[in-house]
Amino acid sequence: MTALSMSVVVDVLDHAGYRCQCHGECGGAHSRGNGRCPISSGTRRHRLVVAPANPTLSATAAAHLPASELRAWCTACLLDAERLTRHHAPAAVEPDLFEGNAA
């Protein structure tokens, strides 16, 4: 498992104002937050995590991203955004079982 350096995490959270940076990628309208998720680090029962702005990237790929490509997410928005991007991602093309085996 990979981990981001603490200074990168703090930089991303500082830039975000310690508030989730989701603007609807999770599928929610976030009307209470004027289009941005209202969850902040001081909110009970919620925590913020730093993850790629592109939720389809793996944890390994995320560990090598610069802070500019990372975002503060509440866990609910991140999980929903990951689920939505997986759901809408094009299906992987699988090779034909008999491809190249013509007689």
PDB file of N, CA and C in Angstrom:
ATOM      1  N   MET A   1       0.849  -1.181   0.000  1.00  0.00           N
ATOM      2  CA  MET A   1       0.000   0.000   0.000  1.00  0.00           C
ATOM      3  C   MET A   1       0.885   1.232   0.000  1.00  0.00           C
ATOM      4  N   THR A   2       0.436   2.243  -0.691  1.00  0.00           N
ATOM      5  CA  THR A   2       1.209   3.471  -0.771  1.00  0.00           C
ATOM      6  C   THR A   2       0.536   4.554   0.059  1.00  0.00           C
ATOM      7  N   ALA A   3       1.307   5.542   0.410  1.00  0.00           N
ATOM      8  CA  ALA A   3       0.763   6.640   1.204  1.00  0.00           C
ATOM      9  C   ALA A   3       1.354   7.951   0.721  1.00  0.00           C
ATOM     10  N   LEU A   4       0.566   8.985   0.796  1.00  0.00           N
ATOM     11  CA  LEU A   4       1.042  10.313   0.446  1.00  0.00           C
ATOM     12  C   LEU A   4       1.812  10.877   1.621  1.00  0.00           C
ATOM     13  N   SER A   5       2.775  11.743   1.339  1.00  0.00           N
ATOM     14  CA  SER A   5       3.507  12.365   2.436  1.00  0.00           C
ATOM     15  C   SER A   5       2.562  13.295   3.187  1.00  0.00           C
ATOM     16  N   MET A   6       2.799  13.421   4.480  1.00  0.00           N
ATOM     17  CA  MET A   6       1.933  14.239   5.316  1.00  0.00           C
ATOM     18  C   MET A   6       1.924  15.696   4.848  1.00  0.00           C
ATOM     19  N   SER A   7       3.052  16.186   4.345  1.00  0.00           N
ATOM     20  CA  SER A   7       3.083  17.583   3.889  1.00  0.00           C
ATOM     21  C   SER A   7       2.179  17.783   2.670  1.00  0.00           C
ATOM     22  N   VAL A   8       2.109  16.791   1.786  1.00  0.00           N
ATOM     23  CA  VAL A   8       1.215  16.887   0.624  1.00  0.00           C
ATOM     24  C   VAL A   8      -0.235  16.875   1.089  1.00  0.00           C
ATOM     25  N   VAL A   9      -0.552  16.006   2.027  1.00  0.00           N
ATOM     26  CA  VAL A   9      -1.916  15.924   2.559  1.00  0.00           C
ATOM     27  C   VAL A   9      -2.318  17.261   3.177  1.00  0.00           C
ATOM     28  N   VAL A  10      -1.442  17.820   3.994  1.00  0.00           N
ATOM     29  CA  VAL A  10      -1.736  19.104   4.641  1.00  0.00           C
ATOM     30  C   VAL A  10      -1.886  20.210   3.600  1.00  0.00           C
ATOM     31  N   ASP A  11      -1.025  20.220   2.583  1.00  0.00           N
ATOM     32  CA  ASP A  11      -1.125  21.233   1.521  1.00  0.00           C
ATOM     33  C   ASP A  11      -2.470  21.157   0.806  1.00  0.00           C
ATOM     34  N   VAL A  12      -2.900  19.942   0.470  1.00  0.00           N
ATOM     35  CA  VAL A  12      -4.180  19.769  -0.233  1.00  0.00           C
ATOM     36  C   VAL A  12      -5.343  20.201   0.660  1.00  0.00           C
ATOM     37  N   LEU A  13      -5.313  19.792   1.922  1.00  0.00           N
ATOM     38  CA  LEU A  13      -6.389  20.168   2.842  1.00  0.00           C
ATOM     39  C   LEU A  13      -6.409  21.674   3.090  1.00  0.00           C
ATOM     40  N   ASP A  14      -5.235  22.292   3.223  1.00  0.00           N
ATOM     41  CA  ASP A  14      -5.164  23.753   3.384  1.00  0.00           C
ATOM     42  C   ASP A  14      -5.781  24.454   2.180  1.00  0.00           C
ATOM     43  N   HIS A  15      -5.391  24.010   0.986  1.00  0.00           N
ATOM     44  CA  HIS A  15      -5.909  24.612  -0.248  1.00  0.00           C
ATOM     45  C   HIS A  15      -7.433  24.475  -0.326  1.00  0.00           C
ATOM     46  N   ALA A  16      -7.952  23.366   0.174  1.00  0.00           N
ATOM     47  CA  ALA A  16      -9.397  23.110   0.136  1.00  0.00           C
ATOM     48  C   ALA A  16     -10.144  23.820   1.258  1.00  0.00           C
ATOM     49  N   GLY A  17      -9.413  24.438   2.170  1.00  0.00           N
ATOM     50  CA  GLY A  17     -10.072  25.055   3.313  1.00  0.00           C
ATOM     51  C   GLY A  17     -10.649  24.020   4.259  1.00  0.00           C
ATOM     52  N   TYR A  18     -10.060  22.831   4.266  1.00  0.00           N
ATOM     53  CA  TYR A  18     -10.513  21.710   5.095  1.00  0.00           C
ATOM     54  C   TYR A  18     -11.991  21.416   4.856  1.00  0.00           C
ATOM     55  N   ARG A  19     -12.377  21.461   3.578  1.00  0.00           N
ATOM     56  CA  ARG A  19     -13.748  21.171   3.167  1.00  0.00           C
ATOM     57  C   ARG A  19     -13.699  20.290   1.926  1.00  0.00           C
ATOM     58  N   CYS A  20     -14.642  19.371   1.821  1.00  0.00           N
ATOM     59  CA  CYS A  20     -14.724  18.481   0.663  1.00  0.00           C
ATOM     60  C   CYS A  20     -14.800  19.311  -0.613  1.00  0.00           C
ATOM     61  N   GLN A  21     -14.037  18.906  -1.617  1.00  0.00           N
ATOM     62  CA  GLN A  21     -13.984  19.643  -2.875  1.00  0.00           C
ATOM     63  C   GLN A  21     -14.869  19.050  -3.972  1.00  0.00           C
ATOM     64  N   CYS A  22     -15.766  18.164  -3.608  1.00  0.00           N
ATOM     65  CA  CYS A  22     -16.671  17.574  -4.595  1.00  0.00           C
ATOM     66  C   CYS A  22     -17.662  18.630  -5.083  1.00  0.00           C
ATOM     67  N   HIS A  23     -17.778  18.738  -6.392  1.00  0.00           N
ATOM     68  CA  HIS A  23     -18.730  19.661  -7.018  1.00  0.00           C
ATOM     69  C   HIS A  23     -19.788  18.882  -7.790  1.00  0.00           C
ATOM     70  N   GLY A  24     -20.138  17.717  -7.280  1.00  0.00           N
ATOM     71  CA  GLY A  24     -21.175  16.912  -7.909  1.00  0.00           C
ATOM     72  C   GLY A  24     -20.675  15.666  -8.596  1.00  0.00           C
ATOM     73  N   GLU A  25     -19.371  15.404  -8.550  1.00  0.00           N
ATOM     74  CA  GLU A  25     -18.835  14.185  -9.162  1.00  0.00           C
ATOM     75  C   GLU A  25     -19.428  12.934  -8.527  1.00  0.00           C
ATOM     76  N   CYS A  26     -19.960  13.081  -7.322  1.00  0.00           N
ATOM     77  CA  CYS A  26     -20.567  11.959  -6.606  1.00  0.00           C
ATOM     78  C   CYS A  26     -21.994  11.692  -7.069  1.00  0.00           C
ATOM     79  N   GLY A  27     -22.531  12.605  -7.861  1.00  0.00           N
ATOM     80  CA  GLY A  27     -23.911  12.472  -8.302  1.00  0.00           C
ATOM     81  C   GLY A  27     -24.864  13.349  -7.514  1.00  0.00           C
ATOM     82  N   GLY A  28     -24.379  13.970  -6.451  1.00  0.00           N
ATOM     83  CA  GLY A  28     -25.212  14.849  -5.638  1.00  0.00           C
ATOM     84  C   GLY A  28     -25.161  16.283  -6.134  1.00  0.00           C
ATOM     85  N   ALA A  29     -26.232  17.029  -5.893  1.00  0.00           N
ATOM     86  CA  ALA A  29     -26.296  18.425  -6.336  1.00  0.00           C
ATOM     87  C   ALA A  29     -25.581  19.363  -5.372  1.00  0.00           C
ATOM     88  N   HIS A  30     -25.452  18.971  -4.123  1.00  0.00           N
ATOM     89  CA  HIS A  30     -24.830  19.794  -3.075  1.00  0.00           C
ATOM     90  C   HIS A  30     -25.453  21.187  -3.019  1.00  0.00           C
ATOM     91  N   SER A  31     -26.776  21.233  -3.023  1.00  0.00           N
ATOM     92  CA  SER A  31     -27.477  22.518  -3.016  1.00  0.00           C
ATOM     93  C   SER A  31     -27.237  23.301  -1.722  1.00  0.00           C
ATOM     94  N   ARG A  32     -26.999  22.595  -0.609  1.00  0.00           N
ATOM     95  CA  ARG A  32     -26.720  23.304   0.651  1.00  0.00           C
ATOM     96  C   ARG A  32     -25.371  24.003   0.622  1.00  0.00           C
ATOM     97  N   GLY A  33     -24.474  23.551  -0.227  1.00  0.00           N
ATOM     98  CA  GLY A  33     -23.133  24.129  -0.275  1.00  0.00           C
ATOM     99  C   GLY A  33     -22.882  24.929  -1.535  1.00  0.00           C
ATOM    100  N   ASN A  34     -23.952  25.433  -2.170  1.00  0.00           N
ATOM    101  CA  ASN A  34     -23.824  26.201  -3.415  1.00  0.00           C
ATOM    102  C   ASN A  34     -23.062  25.435  -4.485  1.00  0.00           C
ATOM    103  N   GLY A  35     -23.364  24.157  -4.627  1.00  0.00           N
ATOM    104  CA  GLY A  35     -22.738  23.331  -5.656  1.00  0.00           C
ATOM    105  C   GLY A  35     -21.508  22.586  -5.200  1.00  0.00           C
ATOM    106  N   ARG A  36     -21.039  22.871  -4.002  1.00  0.00           N
ATOM    107  CA  ARG A  36     -19.873  22.175  -3.450  1.00  0.00           C
ATOM    108  C   ARG A  36     -20.296  21.481  -2.164  1.00  0.00           C
ATOM    109  N   CYS A  37     -19.796  20.287  -1.954  1.00  0.00           N
ATOM    110  CA  CYS A  37     -20.146  19.525  -0.755  1.00  0.00           C
ATOM    111  C   CYS A  37     -19.859  20.360   0.500  1.00  0.00           C
ATOM    112  N   PRO A  38     -20.797  20.427   1.431  1.00  0.00           N
ATOM    113  CA  PRO A  38     -20.604  21.249   2.623  1.00  0.00           C
ATOM    114  C   PRO A  38     -19.806  20.578   3.742  1.00  0.00           C
ATOM    115  N   ILE A  39     -19.417  19.329   3.567  1.00  0.00           N
ATOM    116  CA  ILE A  39     -18.724  18.603   4.636  1.00  0.00           C
ATOM    117  C   ILE A  39     -17.337  19.192   4.858  1.00  0.00           C
ATOM    118  N   SER A  40     -17.039  19.474   6.114  1.00  0.00           N
ATOM    119  CA  SER A  40     -15.714  19.983   6.474  1.00  0.00           C
ATOM    120  C   SER A  40     -15.107  19.075   7.532  1.00  0.00           C
ATOM    121  N   SER A  41     -13.831  19.282   7.792  1.00  0.00           N
ATOM    122  CA  SER A  41     -13.125  18.391   8.718  1.00  0.00           C
ATOM    123  C   SER A  41     -13.634  18.515  10.143  1.00  0.00           C
ATOM    124  N   GLY A  42     -14.299  19.603  10.474  1.00  0.00           N
ATOM    125  CA  GLY A  42     -14.808  19.770  11.826  1.00  0.00           C
ATOM    126  C   GLY A  42     -16.177  19.156  12.035  1.00  0.00           C
ATOM    127  N   THR A  43     -16.758  18.589  10.993  1.00  0.00           N
ATOM    128  CA  THR A  43     -18.091  18.007  11.075  1.00  0.00           C
ATOM    129  C   THR A  43     -18.027  16.644  11.743  1.00  0.00           C
ATOM    130  N   ARG A  44     -18.897  16.431  12.701  1.00  0.00           N
ATOM    131  CA  ARG A  44     -18.926  15.126  13.370  1.00  0.00           C
ATOM    132  C   ARG A  44     -19.347  14.039  12.400  1.00  0.00           C
ATOM    133  N   ARG A  45     -18.809  12.863  12.605  1.00  0.00           N
ATOM    134  CA  ARG A  45     -19.115  11.653  11.840  1.00  0.00           C
ATOM    135  C   ARG A  45     -18.604  11.689  10.409  1.00  0.00           C
ATOM    136  N   HIS A  46     -17.879  12.697  10.027  1.00  0.00           N
ATOM    137  CA  HIS A  46     -17.330  12.770   8.675  1.00  0.00           C
ATOM    138  C   HIS A  46     -15.843  13.023   8.774  1.00  0.00           C
ATOM    139  N   ARG A  47     -15.119  12.482   7.835  1.00  0.00           N
ATOM    140  CA  ARG A  47     -13.700  12.800   7.773  1.00  0.00           C
ATOM    141  C   ARG A  47     -13.325  13.054   6.332  1.00  0.00           C
ATOM    142  N   LEU A  48     -12.281  13.824   6.169  1.00  0.00           N
ATOM    143  CA  LEU A  48     -11.789  14.126   4.838  1.00  0.00           C
ATOM    144  C   LEU A  48     -10.596  13.249   4.528  1.00  0.00           C
ATOM    145  N   VAL A  49     -10.487  12.874   3.276  1.00  0.00           N
ATOM    146  CA  VAL A  49      -9.336  12.124   2.790  1.00  0.00           C
ATOM    147  C   VAL A  49      -8.794  12.859   1.570  1.00  0.00           C
ATOM    148  N   VAL A  50      -7.534  12.630   1.271  1.00  0.00           N
ATOM    149  CA  VAL A  50      -6.927  13.208   0.074  1.00  0.00           C
ATOM    150  C   VAL A  50      -6.792  12.093  -0.945  1.00  0.00           C
ATOM    151  N   ALA A  51      -7.361  12.321  -2.112  1.00  0.00           N
ATOM    152  CA  ALA A  51      -7.370  11.315  -3.177  1.00  0.00           C
ATOM    153  C   ALA A  51      -7.289  12.043  -4.518  1.00  0.00           C
ATOM    154  N   PRO A  52      -7.054  11.304  -5.591  1.00  0.00           N
ATOM    155  CA  PRO A  52      -6.969  11.945  -6.905  1.00  0.00           C
ATOM    156  C   PRO A  52      -8.255  12.684  -7.275  1.00  0.00           C
ATOM    157  N   ALA A  53      -8.098  13.780  -8.000  1.00  0.00           N
ATOM    158  CA  ALA A  53      -9.268  14.478  -8.530  1.00  0.00           C
ATOM    159  C   ALA A  53     -10.018  13.556  -9.489  1.00  0.00           C
ATOM    160  N   ASN A  54      -9.282  12.651 -10.133  1.00  0.00           N
ATOM    161  CA  ASN A  54      -9.861  11.636 -11.011  1.00  0.00           C
ATOM    162  C   ASN A  54     -10.033  10.363 -10.181  1.00  0.00           C
ATOM    163  N   PRO A  55     -11.243  10.049  -9.753  1.00  0.00           N
ATOM    164  CA  PRO A  55     -11.433   8.913  -8.852  1.00  0.00           C
ATOM    165  C   PRO A  55     -11.206   7.540  -9.476  1.00  0.00           C
ATOM    166  N   THR A  56     -10.888   7.481 -10.769  1.00  0.00           N
ATOM    167  CA  THR A  56     -10.638   6.182 -11.391  1.00  0.00           C
ATOM    168  C   THR A  56      -9.197   5.719 -11.204  1.00  0.00           C
ATOM    169  N   LEU A  57      -8.327   6.599 -10.728  1.00  0.00           N
ATOM    170  CA  LEU A  57      -6.920   6.226 -10.562  1.00  0.00           C
ATOM    171  C   LEU A  57      -6.735   5.311  -9.362  1.00  0.00           C
ATOM    172  N   SER A  58      -5.774   4.429  -9.456  1.00  0.00           N
ATOM    173  CA  SER A  58      -5.463   3.513  -8.361  1.00  0.00           C
ATOM    174  C   SER A  58      -4.711   4.249  -7.259  1.00  0.00           C
ATOM    175  N   ALA A  59      -4.634   3.644  -6.095  1.00  0.00           N
ATOM    176  CA  ALA A  59      -3.885   4.227  -4.978  1.00  0.00           C
ATOM    177  C   ALA A  59      -2.412   4.355  -5.326  1.00  0.00           C
ATOM    178  N   THR A  60      -1.886   3.405  -6.071  1.00  0.00           N
ATOM    179  CA  THR A  60      -0.478   3.453  -6.473  1.00  0.00           C
ATOM    180  C   THR A  60      -0.230   4.644  -7.386  1.00  0.00           C
ATOM    181  N   ALA A  61      -1.100   4.857  -8.350  1.00  0.00           N
ATOM    182  CA  ALA A  61      -0.958   6.004  -9.247  1.00  0.00           C
ATOM    183  C   ALA A  61      -1.127   7.311  -8.482  1.00  0.00           C
ATOM    184  N   ALA A  62      -2.038   7.330  -7.533  1.00  0.00           N
ATOM    185  CA  ALA A  62      -2.286   8.542  -6.748  1.00  0.00           C
ATOM    186  C   ALA A  62      -1.073   8.951  -5.931  1.00  0.00           C
ATOM    187  N   ALA A  63      -0.316   7.986  -5.478  1.00  0.00           N
ATOM    188  CA  ALA A  63       0.851   8.285  -4.650  1.00  0.00           C
ATOM    189  C   ALA A  63       1.914   9.050  -5.414  1.00  0.00           C
ATOM    190  N   HIS A  64       1.865   9.011  -6.727  1.00  0.00           N
ATOM    191  CA  HIS A  64       2.869   9.682  -7.554  1.00  0.00           C
ATOM    192  C   HIS A  64       2.362  10.988  -8.159  1.00  0.00           C
ATOM    193  N   LEU A  65       1.134  11.370  -7.834  1.00  0.00           N
ATOM    194  CA  LEU A  65       0.570  12.596  -8.390  1.00  0.00           C
ATOM    195  C   LEU A  65       1.063  13.822  -7.631  1.00  0.00           C
ATOM    196  N   PRO A  66       1.200  14.943  -8.326  1.00  0.00           N
ATOM    197  CA  PRO A  66       1.509  16.188  -7.624  1.00  0.00           C
ATOM    198  C   PRO A  66       0.265  16.667  -6.869  1.00  0.00           C
ATOM    199  N   ALA A  67       0.461  17.512  -5.899  1.00  0.00           N
ATOM    200  CA  ALA A  67      -0.651  18.011  -5.085  1.00  0.00           C
ATOM    201  C   ALA A  67      -1.722  18.683  -5.934  1.00  0.00           C
ATOM    202  N   SER A  68      -1.332  19.265  -7.057  1.00  0.00           N
ATOM    203  CA  SER A  68      -2.301  19.955  -7.918  1.00  0.00           C
ATOM    204  C   SER A  68      -3.325  19.003  -8.538  1.00  0.00           C
ATOM    205  N   GLU A  69      -3.028  17.715  -8.558  1.00  0.00           N
ATOM    206  CA  GLU A  69      -3.953  16.733  -9.132  1.00  0.00           C
ATOM    207  C   GLU A  69      -4.673  15.920  -8.057  1.00  0.00           C
ATOM    208  N   LEU A  70      -4.552  16.381  -6.811  1.00  0.00           N
ATOM    209  CA  LEU A  70      -5.222  15.726  -5.694  1.00  0.00           C
ATOM    210  C   LEU A  70      -6.332  16.633  -5.185  1.00  0.00           C
ATOM    211  N   ARG A  71      -7.256  16.040  -4.459  1.00  0.00           N
ATOM    212  CA  ARG A  71      -8.406  16.779  -3.961  1.00  0.00           C
ATOM    213  C   ARG A  71      -8.784  16.268  -2.579  1.00  0.00           C
ATOM    214  N   ALA A  72      -9.351  17.150  -1.779  1.00  0.00           N
ATOM    215  CA  ALA A  72      -9.926  16.751  -0.497  1.00  0.00           C
ATOM    216  C   ALA A  72     -11.339  16.236  -0.771  1.00  0.00           C
ATOM    217  N   TRP A  73     -11.625  15.057  -0.275  1.00  0.00           N
ATOM    218  CA  TRP A  73     -12.941  14.441  -0.445  1.00  0.00           C
ATOM    219  C   TRP A  73     -13.466  14.007   0.918  1.00  0.00           C
ATOM    220  N   CYS A  74     -14.768  14.130   1.142  1.00  0.00           N
ATOM    221  CA  CYS A  74     -15.351  13.407   2.269  1.00  0.00           C
ATOM    222  C   CYS A  74     -15.502  11.970   1.774  1.00  0.00           C
ATOM    223  N   THR A  75     -15.518  11.034   2.689  1.00  0.00           N
ATOM    224  CA  THR A  75     -15.532   9.632   2.267  1.00  0.00           C
ATOM    225  C   THR A  75     -16.799   9.282   1.485  1.00  0.00           C
ATOM    226  N   ALA A  76     -17.929   9.892   1.832  1.00  0.00           N
ATOM    227  CA  ALA A  76     -19.175   9.584   1.122  1.00  0.00           C
ATOM    228  C   ALA A  76     -19.092  10.018  -0.341  1.00  0.00           C
ATOM    229  N   CYS A  77     -18.605  11.230  -0.590  1.00  0.00           N
ATOM    230  CA  CYS A  77     -18.489  11.714  -1.978  1.00  0.00           C
ATOM    231  C   CYS A  77     -17.482  10.883  -2.760  1.00  0.00           C
ATOM    232  N   LEU A  78     -16.357  10.562  -2.139  1.00  0.00           N
ATOM    233  CA  LEU A  78     -15.335   9.791  -2.844  1.00  0.00           C
ATOM    234  C   LEU A  78     -15.864   8.419  -3.243  1.00  0.00           C
ATOM    235  N   LEU A  79     -16.501   7.721  -2.312  1.00  0.00           N
ATOM    236  CA  LEU A  79     -17.026   6.390  -2.627  1.00  0.00           C
ATOM    237  C   LEU A  79     -18.088   6.460  -3.722  1.00  0.00           C
ATOM    238  N   ASP A  80     -18.965   7.457  -3.639  1.00  0.00           N
ATOM    239  CA  ASP A  80     -20.002   7.595  -4.667  1.00  0.00           C
ATOM    240  C   ASP A  80     -19.400   7.970  -6.020  1.00  0.00           C
ATOM    241  N   ALA A  81     -18.402   8.860  -6.030  1.00  0.00           N
ATOM    242  CA  ALA A  81     -17.749   9.245  -7.290  1.00  0.00           C
ATOM    243  C   ALA A  81     -17.028   8.054  -7.911  1.00  0.00           C
ATOM    244  N   GLU A  82     -16.360   7.250  -7.082  1.00  0.00           N
ATOM    245  CA  GLU A  82     -15.687   6.050  -7.598  1.00  0.00           C
ATOM    246  C   GLU A  82     -16.705   5.088  -8.201  1.00  0.00           C
ATOM    247  N   ARG A  83     -17.816   4.909  -7.504  1.00  0.00           N
ATOM    248  CA  ARG A  83     -18.859   4.000  -7.984  1.00  0.00           C
ATOM    249  C   ARG A  83     -19.440   4.500  -9.306  1.00  0.00           C
ATOM    250  N   LEU A  84     -19.720   5.784  -9.388  1.00  0.00           N
ATOM    251  CA  LEU A  84     -20.283   6.342 -10.622  1.00  0.00           C
ATOM    252  C   LEU A  84     -19.314   6.241 -11.790  1.00  0.00           C
ATOM    253  N   THR A  85     -18.034   6.506 -11.562  1.00  0.00           N
ATOM    254  CA  THR A  85     -17.075   6.441 -12.665  1.00  0.00           C
ATOM    255  C   THR A  85     -16.868   5.005 -13.118  1.00  0.00           C
ATOM    256  N   ARG A  86     -16.909   4.060 -12.190  1.00  0.00           N
ATOM    257  CA  ARG A  86     -16.805   2.647 -12.589  1.00  0.00           C
ATOM    258  C   ARG A  86     -18.036   2.239 -13.385  1.00  0.00           C
ATOM    259  N   HIS A  87     -19.196   2.717 -12.955  1.00  0.00           N
ATOM    260  CA  HIS A  87     -20.453   2.365 -13.618  1.00  0.00           C
ATOM    261  C   HIS A  87     -20.510   2.928 -15.039  1.00  0.00           C
ATOM    262  N   HIS A  88     -19.975   4.124 -15.248  1.00  0.00           N
ATOM    263  CA  HIS A  88     -20.038   4.776 -16.558  1.00  0.00           C
ATOM    264  C   HIS A  88     -18.799   4.548 -17.404  1.00  0.00           C
ATOM    265  N   ALA A  89     -17.805   3.854 -16.872  1.00  0.00           N
ATOM    266  CA  ALA A  89     -16.580   3.598 -17.638  1.00  0.00           C
ATOM    267  C   ALA A  89     -16.885   2.606 -18.755  1.00  0.00           C
ATOM    268  N   PRO A  90     -16.241   2.771 -19.905  1.00  0.00           N
ATOM    269  CA  PRO A  90     -16.467   1.802 -20.985  1.00  0.00           C
ATOM    270  C   PRO A  90     -15.962   0.422 -20.572  1.00  0.00           C
ATOM    271  N   ALA A  91     -16.672  -0.579 -20.995  1.00  0.00           N
ATOM    272  CA  ALA A  91     -16.285  -1.951 -20.659  1.00  0.00           C
ATOM    273  C   ALA A  91     -14.959  -2.290 -21.332  1.00  0.00           C
ATOM    274  N   ALA A  92     -14.139  -3.019 -20.614  1.00  0.00           N
ATOM    275  CA  ALA A  92     -12.853  -3.447 -21.169  1.00  0.00           C
ATOM    276  C   ALA A  92     -13.113  -4.420 -22.314  1.00  0.00           C
ATOM    277  N   VAL A  93     -12.354  -4.266 -23.366  1.00  0.00           N
ATOM    278  CA  VAL A  93     -12.499  -5.153 -24.522  1.00  0.00           C
ATOM    279  C   VAL A  93     -11.709  -6.418 -24.244  1.00  0.00           C
ATOM    280  N   GLU A  94     -12.411  -7.525 -24.261  1.00  0.00           N
ATOM    281  CA  GLU A  94     -11.756  -8.804 -24.025  1.00  0.00           C
ATOM    282  C   GLU A  94     -11.502  -9.476 -25.365  1.00  0.00           C
ATOM    283  N   PRO A  95     -10.330 -10.078 -25.529  1.00  0.00           N
ATOM    284  CA  PRO A  95     -10.046 -10.743 -26.800  1.00  0.00           C
ATOM    285  C   PRO A  95     -10.978 -11.937 -26.999  1.00  0.00           C
ATOM    286  N   ASP A  96     -11.270 -12.187 -28.253  1.00  0.00           N
ATOM    287  CA  ASP A  96     -12.097 -13.329 -28.605  1.00  0.00           C
ATOM    288  C   ASP A  96     -11.378 -14.596 -28.161  1.00  0.00           C
ATOM    289  N   LEU A  97     -12.107 -15.511 -27.577  1.00  0.00           N
ATOM    290  CA  LEU A  97     -11.522 -16.746 -27.066  1.00  0.00           C
ATOM    291  C   LEU A  97     -10.785 -17.507 -28.151  1.00  0.00           C
ATOM    292  N   PHE A  98     -11.298 -17.450 -29.365  1.00  0.00           N
ATOM    293  CA  PHE A  98     -10.701 -18.229 -30.445  1.00  0.00           C
ATOM    294  C   PHE A  98      -9.918 -17.366 -31.430  1.00  0.00           C
ATOM    295  N   GLU A  99      -9.667 -16.128 -31.054  1.00  0.00           N
ATOM    296  CA  GLU A  99      -8.947 -15.214 -31.937  1.00  0.00           C
ATOM    297  C   GLU A  99      -7.553 -15.755 -32.232  1.00  0.00           C
ATOM    298  N   GLY A 100      -7.202 -15.764 -33.478  1.00  0.00           N
ATOM    299  CA  GLY A 100      -5.872 -16.233 -33.863  1.00  0.00           C
ATOM    300  C   GLY A 100      -5.746 -17.744 -33.930  1.00  0.00           C
ATOM    301  N   ASN A 101      -6.828 -18.449 -33.679  1.00  0.00           N
ATOM    302  CA  ASN A 101      -6.769 -19.909 -33.709  1.00  0.00           C
ATOM    303  C   ASN A 101      -7.493 -20.461 -34.931  1.00  0.00           C
ATOM    304  N   ALA A 102      -7.474 -19.724 -36.019  1.00  0.00           N
ATOM    305  CA  ALA A 102      -8.159 -20.189 -37.227  1.00  0.00           C
ATOM    306  C   ALA A 102      -7.443 -21.410 -37.785  1.00  0.00           C
ATOM    307  N   ALA A 103      -8.214 -22.360 -38.248  1.00  0.00           N
ATOM    308  CA  ALA A 103      -7.626 -23.599 -38.777  1.00  0.00           C
ATOM    309  C   ALA A 103      -7.417 -23.517 -40.248  1.00  0.00           C
TER     310      ALA A 103
END
